[in-house]
């Protein structure tokens, strides 16, 4: 009986770790894109770069 609960607990623990890692990775990538966008729009006025011509990859 405890073996069944142990397997379920282990499965939930593994899947929750994956979700947390994915959330942290997604947040970090979002912050990088926000910084690039802010930098682009704050400097495009003073350079020959066309505003709105973003390459976030």
Protein backbone atom coordinates (compact mmCIF):
# COMPACT_ATOMS: atom_id res chain seq x y z
CA UNK A 1 0.00 0.00 0.00
CA UNK A 2 2.79 2.43 0.85
CA UNK A 3 4.54 1.50 -2.36
CA UNK A 4 1.65 2.88 -4.44
CA UNK A 5 1.71 6.17 -2.52
CA UNK A 6 5.48 6.37 -2.83
CA UNK A 7 5.28 5.98 -6.61
CA UNK A 8 2.59 8.68 -6.87
CA UNK A 9 4.58 11.04 -4.62
CA UNK A 10 7.75 10.46 -6.65
CA UNK A 11 5.90 11.14 -9.91
CA UNK A 12 4.42 14.39 -8.58
CA UNK A 13 7.82 15.49 -7.26
CA UNK A 14 9.52 14.89 -10.62
CA UNK A 15 6.82 16.68 -12.63
CA UNK A 16 6.76 19.67 -10.28
CA UNK A 17 10.53 20.08 -10.57
CA UNK A 18 10.20 20.17 -14.33
CA UNK A 19 7.51 22.84 -14.10
CA UNK A 20 9.58 25.01 -11.77
CA UNK A 21 12.62 24.74 -14.03
CA UNK A 22 10.54 25.64 -17.07
CA UNK A 23 9.02 28.63 -15.28
CA UNK A 24 12.41 29.96 -14.23
CA UNK A 25 13.82 29.47 -17.72
CA UNK A 26 10.80 31.18 -19.31
CA UNK A 27 11.06 34.11 -16.92
CA UNK A 28 14.77 34.54 -17.62
CA UNK A 29 14.20 34.51 -21.37
CA UNK A 30 11.36 37.02 -20.97
CA UNK A 31 13.60 39.37 -18.99
CA UNK A 32 16.31 39.16 -21.67
CA UNK A 33 13.78 40.02 -24.39
CA UNK A 34 12.45 42.94 -22.32
CA UNK A 35 15.97 44.31 -21.85
CA UNK A 36 16.70 44.01 -25.58
CA UNK A 37 13.42 45.72 -26.46
CA UNK A 38 14.00 48.55 -23.99
CA UNK A 39 17.55 49.07 -25.25
CA UNK A 40 16.38 49.07 -28.86
CA UNK A 41 13.63 51.66 -28.34
CA UNK A 42 15.82 53.88 -26.18
CA UNK A 43 18.63 53.99 -28.77
CA UNK A 44 16.81 53.79 -32.12
CA UNK A 45 15.97 57.51 -31.99
CA UNK A 46 19.66 58.44 -31.83
CA UNK A 47 20.97 55.93 -34.40
CA UNK A 48 20.21 55.05 -38.02
CA UNK A 49 18.36 51.91 -36.91
CA UNK A 50 14.67 51.88 -37.81
CA UNK A 51 12.51 51.87 -34.70
CA UNK A 52 10.40 48.75 -34.53
CA UNK A 53 12.86 46.66 -36.55
CA UNK A 54 13.54 44.19 -33.72
CA UNK A 55 15.51 40.97 -33.90
CA UNK A 56 15.02 39.34 -30.52
CA UNK A 57 16.52 35.96 -31.44
